[in-house]
């Protein structure tokens, strides 16, 4: 098992990209559905990493990880509702 400090652990692989895409689609649908019945949506991420994947050589951020994907999605859903003049899908996203 690799240590969290090991650069090899944080290489952005294809299966991680697919996991992130599925997470976006899953959360999009479920946050909207859950928000109809529960105004506070709590998202647990049992396998969250650092939140960013960086290039080992340059330190440049290549992409974000699941914690940031979830928060950005929640923000996008709130902005969408605001633009459409509709009630937000949720009051709190934790």
PDB file of N, CA and C in Angstrom:
ATOM      1  N   UNK A   1       0.851  -1.184   0.000  1.00  0.00           N
ATOM      2  CA  UNK A   1       0.000   0.000   0.000  1.00  0.00           C
ATOM      3  C   UNK A   1       0.894   1.245   0.000  1.00  0.00           C
ATOM      4  N   UNK A   2       0.560   2.167  -0.878  1.00  0.00           N
ATOM      5  CA  UNK A   2       1.352   3.394  -0.991  1.00  0.00           C
ATOM      6  C   UNK A   2       0.975   4.399   0.093  1.00  0.00           C
ATOM      7  N   UNK A   3       1.962   5.116   0.579  1.00  0.00           N
ATOM      8  CA  UNK A   3       1.717   6.201   1.532  1.00  0.00           C
ATOM      9  C   UNK A   3       1.046   7.361   0.803  1.00  0.00           C
ATOM     10  N   UNK A   4       0.292   8.172   1.543  1.00  0.00           N
ATOM     11  CA  UNK A   4      -0.338   9.348   0.940  1.00  0.00           C
ATOM     12  C   UNK A   4       0.686  10.301   0.354  1.00  0.00           C
ATOM     13  N   UNK A   5       1.876  10.331   0.910  1.00  0.00           N
ATOM     14  CA  UNK A   5       2.912  11.245   0.417  1.00  0.00           C
ATOM     15  C   UNK A   5       3.581  10.737  -0.857  1.00  0.00           C
ATOM     16  N   UNK A   6       3.292   9.515  -1.260  1.00  0.00           N
ATOM     17  CA  UNK A   6       3.908   8.938  -2.455  1.00  0.00           C
ATOM     18  C   UNK A   6       3.304   9.557  -3.722  1.00  0.00           C
ATOM     19  N   UNK A   7       4.129  10.138  -4.597  1.00  0.00           N
ATOM     20  CA  UNK A   7       3.614  10.746  -5.829  1.00  0.00           C
ATOM     21  C   UNK A   7       2.880   9.750  -6.721  1.00  0.00           C
ATOM     22  N   UNK A   8       3.285   8.485  -6.688  1.00  0.00           N
ATOM     23  CA  UNK A   8       2.637   7.478  -7.534  1.00  0.00           C
ATOM     24  C   UNK A   8       1.163   7.274  -7.168  1.00  0.00           C
ATOM     25  N   UNK A   9       0.832   7.542  -5.924  1.00  0.00           N
ATOM     26  CA  UNK A   9      -0.547   7.364  -5.472  1.00  0.00           C
ATOM     27  C   UNK A   9      -1.485   8.395  -6.100  1.00  0.00           C
ATOM     28  N   UNK A  10      -0.953   9.528  -6.495  1.00  0.00           N
ATOM     29  CA  UNK A  10      -1.793  10.633  -6.955  1.00  0.00           C
ATOM     30  C   UNK A  10      -1.694  10.881  -8.449  1.00  0.00           C
ATOM     31  N   UNK A  11      -1.272   9.884  -9.201  1.00  0.00           N
ATOM     32  CA  UNK A  11      -1.283   9.973 -10.661  1.00  0.00           C
ATOM     33  C   UNK A  11      -2.742   9.878 -11.097  1.00  0.00           C
ATOM     34  N   UNK A  12      -3.142  10.756 -11.994  1.00  0.00           N
ATOM     35  CA  UNK A  12      -4.537  10.781 -12.451  1.00  0.00           C
ATOM     36  C   UNK A  12      -4.715   9.734 -13.541  1.00  0.00           C
ATOM     37  N   UNK A  13      -5.280   8.602 -13.139  1.00  0.00           N
ATOM     38  CA  UNK A  13      -5.452   7.476 -14.059  1.00  0.00           C
ATOM     39  C   UNK A  13      -6.842   7.492 -14.680  1.00  0.00           C
ATOM     40  N   UNK A  14      -7.007   6.697 -15.717  1.00  0.00           N
ATOM     41  CA  UNK A  14      -8.279   6.637 -16.436  1.00  0.00           C
ATOM     42  C   UNK A  14      -9.431   6.210 -15.529  1.00  0.00           C
ATOM     43  N   UNK A  15      -9.219   5.232 -14.676  1.00  0.00           N
ATOM     44  CA  UNK A  15     -10.314   4.794 -13.803  1.00  0.00           C
ATOM     45  C   UNK A  15     -10.732   5.903 -12.830  1.00  0.00           C
ATOM     46  N   UNK A  16      -9.814   6.755 -12.456  1.00  0.00           N
ATOM     47  CA  UNK A  16     -10.146   7.883 -11.586  1.00  0.00           C
ATOM     48  C   UNK A  16     -10.960   8.917 -12.356  1.00  0.00           C
ATOM     49  N   UNK A  17     -10.585   9.158 -13.601  1.00  0.00           N
ATOM     50  CA  UNK A  17     -11.347  10.091 -14.445  1.00  0.00           C
ATOM     51  C   UNK A  17     -12.783   9.605 -14.604  1.00  0.00           C
ATOM     52  N   UNK A  18     -12.945   8.309 -14.854  1.00  0.00           N
ATOM     53  CA  UNK A  18     -14.288   7.741 -15.013  1.00  0.00           C
ATOM     54  C   UNK A  18     -15.058   7.847 -13.698  1.00  0.00           C
ATOM     55  N   UNK A  19     -14.397   7.564 -12.579  1.00  0.00           N
ATOM     56  CA  UNK A  19     -15.042   7.684 -11.262  1.00  0.00           C
ATOM     57  C   UNK A  19     -15.542   9.107 -11.045  1.00  0.00           C
ATOM     58  N   UNK A  20     -14.743  10.084 -11.416  1.00  0.00           N
ATOM     59  CA  UNK A  20     -15.144  11.478 -11.240  1.00  0.00           C
ATOM     60  C   UNK A  20     -16.322  11.841 -12.134  1.00  0.00           C
ATOM     61  N   UNK A  21     -16.344  11.337 -13.354  1.00  0.00           N
ATOM     62  CA  UNK A  21     -17.467  11.603 -14.256  1.00  0.00           C
ATOM     63  C   UNK A  21     -18.751  10.974 -13.708  1.00  0.00           C
ATOM     64  N   UNK A  22     -18.657   9.747 -13.225  1.00  0.00           N
ATOM     65  CA  UNK A  22     -19.829   9.093 -12.628  1.00  0.00           C
ATOM     66  C   UNK A  22     -20.301   9.843 -11.388  1.00  0.00           C
ATOM     67  N   UNK A  23     -19.370  10.318 -10.592  1.00  0.00           N
ATOM     68  CA  UNK A  23     -19.721  11.089  -9.400  1.00  0.00           C
ATOM     69  C   UNK A  23     -20.507  12.340  -9.780  1.00  0.00           C
ATOM     70  N   UNK A  24     -20.051  13.058 -10.794  1.00  0.00           N
ATOM     71  CA  UNK A  24     -20.766  14.267 -11.232  1.00  0.00           C
ATOM     72  C   UNK A  24     -22.208  13.938 -11.619  1.00  0.00           C
ATOM     73  N   UNK A  25     -22.368  12.908 -12.432  1.00  0.00           N
ATOM     74  CA  UNK A  25     -23.713  12.543 -12.907  1.00  0.00           C
ATOM     75  C   UNK A  25     -24.595  12.055 -11.759  1.00  0.00           C
ATOM     76  N   UNK A  26     -24.032  11.241 -10.900  1.00  0.00           N
ATOM     77  CA  UNK A  26     -24.769  10.698  -9.764  1.00  0.00           C
ATOM     78  C   UNK A  26     -25.204  11.814  -8.819  1.00  0.00           C
ATOM     79  N   UNK A  27     -24.273  12.663  -8.438  1.00  0.00           N
ATOM     80  CA  UNK A  27     -24.599  13.747  -7.506  1.00  0.00           C
ATOM     81  C   UNK A  27     -25.606  14.714  -8.094  1.00  0.00           C
ATOM     82  N   UNK A  28     -25.456  15.031  -9.366  1.00  0.00           N
ATOM     83  CA  UNK A  28     -26.381  15.959 -10.018  1.00  0.00           C
ATOM     84  C   UNK A  28     -27.822  15.476  -9.822  1.00  0.00           C
ATOM     85  N   UNK A  29     -28.061  14.216 -10.137  1.00  0.00           N
ATOM     86  CA  UNK A  29     -29.417  13.681 -10.039  1.00  0.00           C
ATOM     87  C   UNK A  29     -29.879  13.559  -8.587  1.00  0.00           C
ATOM     88  N   UNK A  30     -29.020  13.051  -7.727  1.00  0.00           N
ATOM     89  CA  UNK A  30     -29.437  12.780  -6.364  1.00  0.00           C
ATOM     90  C   UNK A  30     -29.555  14.022  -5.492  1.00  0.00           C
ATOM     91  N   UNK A  31     -28.748  15.010  -5.709  1.00  0.00           N
ATOM     92  CA  UNK A  31     -28.887  16.242  -4.927  1.00  0.00           C
ATOM     93  C   UNK A  31     -30.237  16.890  -5.220  1.00  0.00           C
ATOM     94  N   UNK A  32     -30.629  16.885  -6.475  1.00  0.00           N
ATOM     95  CA  UNK A  32     -31.926  17.460  -6.850  1.00  0.00           C
ATOM     96  C   UNK A  32     -33.059  16.662  -6.208  1.00  0.00           C
ATOM     97  N   UNK A  33     -32.986  15.344  -6.280  1.00  0.00           N
ATOM     98  CA  UNK A  33     -34.042  14.494  -5.707  1.00  0.00           C
ATOM     99  C   UNK A  33     -34.088  14.602  -4.181  1.00  0.00           C
ATOM    100  N   UNK A  34     -32.944  14.472  -3.543  1.00  0.00           N
ATOM    101  CA  UNK A  34     -32.911  14.518  -2.085  1.00  0.00           C
ATOM    102  C   UNK A  34     -33.330  15.877  -1.546  1.00  0.00           C
ATOM    103  N   UNK A  35     -32.971  16.930  -2.259  1.00  0.00           N
ATOM    104  CA  UNK A  35     -33.299  18.279  -1.821  1.00  0.00           C
ATOM    105  C   UNK A  35     -34.793  18.556  -1.772  1.00  0.00           C
ATOM    106  N   UNK A  36     -35.572  17.793  -2.506  1.00  0.00           N
ATOM    107  CA  UNK A  36     -37.026  17.964  -2.462  1.00  0.00           C
ATOM    108  C   UNK A  36     -37.593  17.558  -1.110  1.00  0.00           C
ATOM    109  N   UNK A  37     -36.931  16.623  -0.456  1.00  0.00           N
ATOM    110  CA  UNK A  37     -37.438  16.074   0.797  1.00  0.00           C
ATOM    111  C   UNK A  37     -36.612  16.462   2.012  1.00  0.00           C
ATOM    112  N   UNK A  38     -35.352  16.753   1.784  1.00  0.00           N
ATOM    113  CA  UNK A  38     -34.439  17.102   2.876  1.00  0.00           C
ATOM    114  C   UNK A  38     -33.647  18.335   2.446  1.00  0.00           C
ATOM    115  N   UNK A  39     -33.861  19.431   3.111  1.00  0.00           N
ATOM    116  CA  UNK A  39     -33.252  20.688   2.686  1.00  0.00           C
ATOM    117  C   UNK A  39     -31.757  20.740   2.991  1.00  0.00           C
ATOM    118  N   UNK A  40     -31.278  19.847   3.843  1.00  0.00           N
ATOM    119  CA  UNK A  40     -29.847  19.778   4.130  1.00  0.00           C
ATOM    120  C   UNK A  40     -29.319  18.484   3.516  1.00  0.00           C
ATOM    121  N   UNK A  41     -28.416  18.605   2.562  1.00  0.00           N
ATOM    122  CA  UNK A  41     -27.819  17.446   1.900  1.00  0.00           C
ATOM    123  C   UNK A  41     -26.407  17.279   2.451  1.00  0.00           C
ATOM    124  N   UNK A  42     -26.129  16.088   2.961  1.00  0.00           N
ATOM    125  CA  UNK A  42     -24.807  15.791   3.515  1.00  0.00           C
ATOM    126  C   UNK A  42     -24.132  14.780   2.609  1.00  0.00           C
ATOM    127  N   UNK A  43     -22.952  15.123   2.135  1.00  0.00           N
ATOM    128  CA  UNK A  43     -22.187  14.278   1.214  1.00  0.00           C
ATOM    129  C   UNK A  43     -20.985  13.717   1.955  1.00  0.00           C
ATOM    130  N   UNK A  44     -20.926  12.402   2.063  1.00  0.00           N
ATOM    131  CA  UNK A  44     -19.778  11.735   2.673  1.00  0.00           C
ATOM    132  C   UNK A  44     -18.925  11.150   1.559  1.00  0.00           C
ATOM    133  N   UNK A  45     -17.643  11.398   1.631  1.00  0.00           N
ATOM    134  CA  UNK A  45     -16.732  10.872   0.626  1.00  0.00           C
ATOM    135  C   UNK A  45     -15.682  10.021   1.343  1.00  0.00           C
ATOM    136  N   UNK A  46     -15.934   8.740   1.416  1.00  0.00           N
ATOM    137  CA  UNK A  46     -15.058   7.842   2.151  1.00  0.00           C
ATOM    138  C   UNK A  46     -13.708   7.603   1.505  1.00  0.00           C
ATOM    139  N   UNK A  47     -13.564   7.977   0.237  1.00  0.00           N
ATOM    140  CA  UNK A  47     -12.313   7.722  -0.469  1.00  0.00           C
ATOM    141  C   UNK A  47     -11.753   8.999  -1.086  1.00  0.00           C
ATOM    142  N   UNK A  48     -12.019  10.117  -0.454  1.00  0.00           N
ATOM    143  CA  UNK A  48     -11.528  11.393  -0.971  1.00  0.00           C
ATOM    144  C   UNK A  48     -10.012  11.457  -0.845  1.00  0.00           C
ATOM    145  N   UNK A  49      -9.416  12.015  -1.853  1.00  0.00           N
ATOM    146  CA  UNK A  49      -7.971  12.204  -1.818  1.00  0.00           C
ATOM    147  C   UNK A  49      -7.639  13.626  -1.427  1.00  0.00           C
ATOM    148  N   UNK A  50      -6.627  14.144  -2.030  1.00  0.00           N
ATOM    149  CA  UNK A  50      -6.143  15.483  -1.696  1.00  0.00           C
ATOM    150  C   UNK A  50      -7.020  16.597  -2.243  1.00  0.00           C
ATOM    151  N   UNK A  51      -7.826  16.281  -3.212  1.00  0.00           N
ATOM    152  CA  UNK A  51      -8.670  17.302  -3.818  1.00  0.00           C
ATOM    153  C   UNK A  51      -8.101  17.859  -5.109  1.00  0.00           C
ATOM    154  N   UNK A  52      -6.834  17.612  -5.347  1.00  0.00           N
ATOM    155  CA  UNK A  52      -6.192  18.080  -6.581  1.00  0.00           C
ATOM    156  C   UNK A  52      -5.194  17.035  -7.064  1.00  0.00           C
ATOM    157  N   UNK A  53      -5.081  16.959  -8.363  1.00  0.00           N
ATOM    158  CA  UNK A  53      -4.043  16.134  -8.978  1.00  0.00           C
ATOM    159  C   UNK A  53      -3.098  17.093  -9.690  1.00  0.00           C
ATOM    160  N   UNK A  54      -1.830  17.031  -9.353  1.00  0.00           N
ATOM    161  CA  UNK A  54      -0.853  17.959  -9.904  1.00  0.00           C
ATOM    162  C   UNK A  54       0.196  17.236 -10.729  1.00  0.00           C
ATOM    163  N   UNK A  55       0.807  17.985 -11.620  1.00  0.00           N
ATOM    164  CA  UNK A  55       1.932  17.480 -12.402  1.00  0.00           C
ATOM    165  C   UNK A  55       3.150  17.430 -11.488  1.00  0.00           C
ATOM    166  N   UNK A  56       3.765  16.262 -11.387  1.00  0.00           N
ATOM    167  CA  UNK A  56       4.911  16.103 -10.492  1.00  0.00           C
ATOM    168  C   UNK A  56       6.062  17.037 -10.831  1.00  0.00           C
ATOM    169  N   UNK A  57       6.249  17.308 -12.108  1.00  0.00           N
ATOM    170  CA  UNK A  57       7.402  18.118 -12.527  1.00  0.00           C
ATOM    171  C   UNK A  57       7.167  19.619 -12.354  1.00  0.00           C
ATOM    172  N   UNK A  58       5.972  20.082 -12.721  1.00  0.00           N
ATOM    173  CA  UNK A  58       5.711  21.521 -12.704  1.00  0.00           C
ATOM    174  C   UNK A  58       4.937  21.985 -11.472  1.00  0.00           C
ATOM    175  N   UNK A  59       4.234  21.057 -10.818  1.00  0.00           N
ATOM    176  CA  UNK A  59       3.393  21.435  -9.691  1.00  0.00           C
ATOM    177  C   UNK A  59       2.062  22.025 -10.126  1.00  0.00           C
ATOM    178  N   UNK A  60       1.841  22.101 -11.433  1.00  0.00           N
ATOM    179  CA  UNK A  60       0.606  22.654 -11.988  1.00  0.00           C
ATOM    180  C   UNK A  60      -0.565  21.715 -11.690  1.00  0.00           C
ATOM    181  N   UNK A  61      -1.706  22.302 -11.321  1.00  0.00           N
ATOM    182  CA  UNK A  61      -2.900  21.507 -11.058  1.00  0.00           C
ATOM    183  C   UNK A  61      -3.453  21.007 -12.387  1.00  0.00           C
ATOM    184  N   UNK A  62      -3.574  19.681 -12.510  1.00  0.00           N
ATOM    185  CA  UNK A  62      -4.098  19.084 -13.727  1.00  0.00           C
ATOM    186  C   UNK A  62      -5.620  19.010 -13.692  1.00  0.00           C
ATOM    187  N   UNK A  63      -6.138  18.615 -12.555  1.00  0.00           N
ATOM    188  CA  UNK A  63      -7.588  18.510 -12.386  1.00  0.00           C
ATOM    189  C   UNK A  63      -7.895  18.434 -10.893  1.00  0.00           C
ATOM    190  N   UNK A  64      -9.151  18.565 -10.566  1.00  0.00           N
ATOM    191  CA  UNK A  64      -9.560  18.499  -9.161  1.00  0.00           C
ATOM    192  C   UNK A  64     -10.119  17.125  -8.842  1.00  0.00           C
ATOM    193  N   UNK A  65     -10.141  16.795  -7.563  1.00  0.00           N
ATOM    194  CA  UNK A  65     -10.647  15.514  -7.113  1.00  0.00           C
ATOM    195  C   UNK A  65     -12.087  15.592  -6.631  1.00  0.00           C
ATOM    196  N   UNK A  66     -12.571  14.486  -6.110  1.00  0.00           N
ATOM    197  CA  UNK A  66     -13.982  14.357  -5.768  1.00  0.00           C
ATOM    198  C   UNK A  66     -14.510  15.352  -4.730  1.00  0.00           C
ATOM    199  N   UNK A  67     -13.749  15.757  -3.712  1.00  0.00           N
ATOM    200  CA  UNK A  67     -14.319  16.744  -2.778  1.00  0.00           C
ATOM    201  C   UNK A  67     -14.645  18.080  -3.462  1.00  0.00           C
ATOM    202  N   UNK A  68     -13.751  18.506  -4.329  1.00  0.00           N
ATOM    203  CA  UNK A  68     -13.960  19.780  -5.026  1.00  0.00           C
ATOM    204  C   UNK A  68     -15.026  19.633  -6.106  1.00  0.00           C
ATOM    205  N   UNK A  69     -15.070  18.480  -6.762  1.00  0.00           N
ATOM    206  CA  UNK A  69     -16.129  18.215  -7.747  1.00  0.00           C
ATOM    207  C   UNK A  69     -17.497  18.344  -7.082  1.00  0.00           C
ATOM    208  N   UNK A  70     -17.654  17.756  -5.906  1.00  0.00           N
ATOM    209  CA  UNK A  70     -18.938  17.804  -5.198  1.00  0.00           C
ATOM    210  C   UNK A  70     -19.320  19.234  -4.821  1.00  0.00           C
ATOM    211  N   UNK A  71     -18.382  19.982  -4.298  1.00  0.00           N
ATOM    212  CA  UNK A  71     -18.674  21.367  -3.905  1.00  0.00           C
ATOM    213  C   UNK A  71     -18.990  22.250  -5.106  1.00  0.00           C
ATOM    214  N   UNK A  72     -18.257  22.065  -6.184  1.00  0.00           N
ATOM    215  CA  UNK A  72     -18.528  22.849  -7.396  1.00  0.00           C
ATOM    216  C   UNK A  72     -19.893  22.511  -7.980  1.00  0.00           C
ATOM    217  N   UNK A  73     -20.258  21.240  -7.952  1.00  0.00           N
ATOM    218  CA  UNK A  73     -21.560  20.840  -8.457  1.00  0.00           C
ATOM    219  C   UNK A  73     -22.670  21.477  -7.636  1.00  0.00           C
ATOM    220  N   UNK A  74     -22.526  21.463  -6.326  1.00  0.00           N
ATOM    221  CA  UNK A  74     -23.524  22.094  -5.460  1.00  0.00           C
ATOM    222  C   UNK A  74     -23.645  23.582  -5.789  1.00  0.00           C
ATOM    223  N   UNK A  75     -22.516  24.235  -6.001  1.00  0.00           N
ATOM    224  CA  UNK A  75     -22.521  25.652  -6.354  1.00  0.00           C
ATOM    225  C   UNK A  75     -23.203  25.884  -7.704  1.00  0.00           C
ATOM    226  N   UNK A  76     -22.923  25.028  -8.678  1.00  0.00           N
ATOM    227  CA  UNK A  76     -23.553  25.148 -10.001  1.00  0.00           C
ATOM    228  C   UNK A  76     -25.068  24.995  -9.906  1.00  0.00           C
ATOM    229  N   UNK A  77     -25.527  24.047  -9.088  1.00  0.00           N
ATOM    230  CA  UNK A  77     -26.967  23.849  -8.930  1.00  0.00           C
ATOM    231  C   UNK A  77     -27.620  25.069  -8.288  1.00  0.00           C
ATOM    232  N   UNK A  78     -26.966  25.671  -7.312  1.00  0.00           N
ATOM    233  CA  UNK A  78     -27.510  26.889  -6.696  1.00  0.00           C
ATOM    234  C   UNK A  78     -27.548  28.039  -7.694  1.00  0.00           C
ATOM    235  N   UNK A  79     -26.492  28.201  -8.474  1.00  0.00           N
ATOM    236  CA  UNK A  79     -26.450  29.264  -9.480  1.00  0.00           C
ATOM    237  C   UNK A  79     -27.530  29.055 -10.537  1.00  0.00           C
ATOM    238  N   UNK A  80     -27.742  27.820 -10.945  1.00  0.00           N
ATOM    239  CA  UNK A  80     -28.775  27.512 -11.930  1.00  0.00           C
ATOM    240  C   UNK A  80     -30.144  27.942 -11.417  1.00  0.00           C
ATOM    241  N   UNK A  81     -30.452  27.588 -10.172  1.00  0.00           N
ATOM    242  CA  UNK A  81     -31.742  27.960  -9.594  1.00  0.00           C
ATOM    243  C   UNK A  81     -31.881  29.478  -9.497  1.00  0.00           C
ATOM    244  N   UNK A  82     -30.809  30.122  -9.108  1.00  0.00           N
ATOM    245  CA  UNK A  82     -30.842  31.588  -8.999  1.00  0.00           C
ATOM    246  C   UNK A  82     -31.091  32.228 -10.364  1.00  0.00           C
ATOM    247  N   UNK A  83     -30.429  31.751 -11.391  1.00  0.00           N
ATOM    248  CA  UNK A  83     -30.620  32.287 -12.749  1.00  0.00           C
ATOM    249  C   UNK A  83     -32.042  32.079 -13.241  1.00  0.00           C
ATOM    250  N   UNK A  84     -32.634  30.955 -12.883  1.00  0.00           N
ATOM    251  CA  UNK A  84     -33.999  30.630 -13.325  1.00  0.00           C
ATOM    252  C   UNK A  84     -35.063  31.214 -12.406  1.00  0.00           C
ATOM    253  N   UNK A  85     -34.637  31.843 -11.304  1.00  0.00           N
ATOM    254  CA  UNK A  85     -35.587  32.431 -10.371  1.00  0.00           C
ATOM    255  C   UNK A  85     -36.417  31.393  -9.631  1.00  0.00           C
ATOM    256  N   UNK A  86     -35.822  30.242  -9.392  1.00  0.00           N
ATOM    257  CA  UNK A  86     -36.551  29.185  -8.705  1.00  0.00           C
ATOM    258  C   UNK A  86     -35.945  28.886  -7.342  1.00  0.00           C
ATOM    259  N   UNK A  87     -36.715  28.203  -6.541  1.00  0.00           N
ATOM    260  CA  UNK A  87     -36.264  27.817  -5.208  1.00  0.00           C
ATOM    261  C   UNK A  87     -35.045  26.899  -5.346  1.00  0.00           C
ATOM    262  N   UNK A  88     -34.024  27.118  -4.526  1.00  0.00           N
ATOM    263  CA  UNK A  88     -32.841  26.253  -4.585  1.00  0.00           C
ATOM    264  C   UNK A  88     -33.203  24.805  -4.272  1.00  0.00           C
ATOM    265  N   UNK A  89     -32.433  23.885  -4.833  1.00  0.00           N
ATOM    266  CA  UNK A  89     -32.671  22.464  -4.602  1.00  0.00           C
ATOM    267  C   UNK A  89     -32.400  22.061  -3.157  1.00  0.00           C
ATOM    268  N   UNK A  90     -31.620  22.857  -2.451  1.00  0.00           N
ATOM    269  CA  UNK A  90     -31.274  22.555  -1.067  1.00  0.00           C
ATOM    270  C   UNK A  90     -30.929  23.857  -0.372  1.00  0.00           C
ATOM    271  N   UNK A  91     -30.960  23.819   0.951  1.00  0.00           N
ATOM    272  CA  UNK A  91     -30.560  24.983   1.739  1.00  0.00           C
ATOM    273  C   UNK A  91     -29.115  24.887   2.196  1.00  0.00           C
ATOM    274  N   UNK A  92     -28.672  23.655   2.488  1.00  0.00           N
ATOM    275  CA  UNK A  92     -27.306  23.424   2.947  1.00  0.00           C
ATOM    276  C   UNK A  92     -26.733  22.207   2.258  1.00  0.00           C
ATOM    277  N   UNK A  93     -25.478  22.324   1.867  1.00  0.00           N
ATOM    278  CA  UNK A  93     -24.733  21.183   1.313  1.00  0.00           C
ATOM    279  C   UNK A  93     -23.480  21.032   2.153  1.00  0.00           C
ATOM    280  N   UNK A  94     -23.421  19.934   2.866  1.00  0.00           N
ATOM    281  CA  UNK A  94     -22.297  19.696   3.787  1.00  0.00           C
ATOM    282  C   UNK A  94     -21.506  18.511   3.270  1.00  0.00           C
TER     283      UNK A  94
END
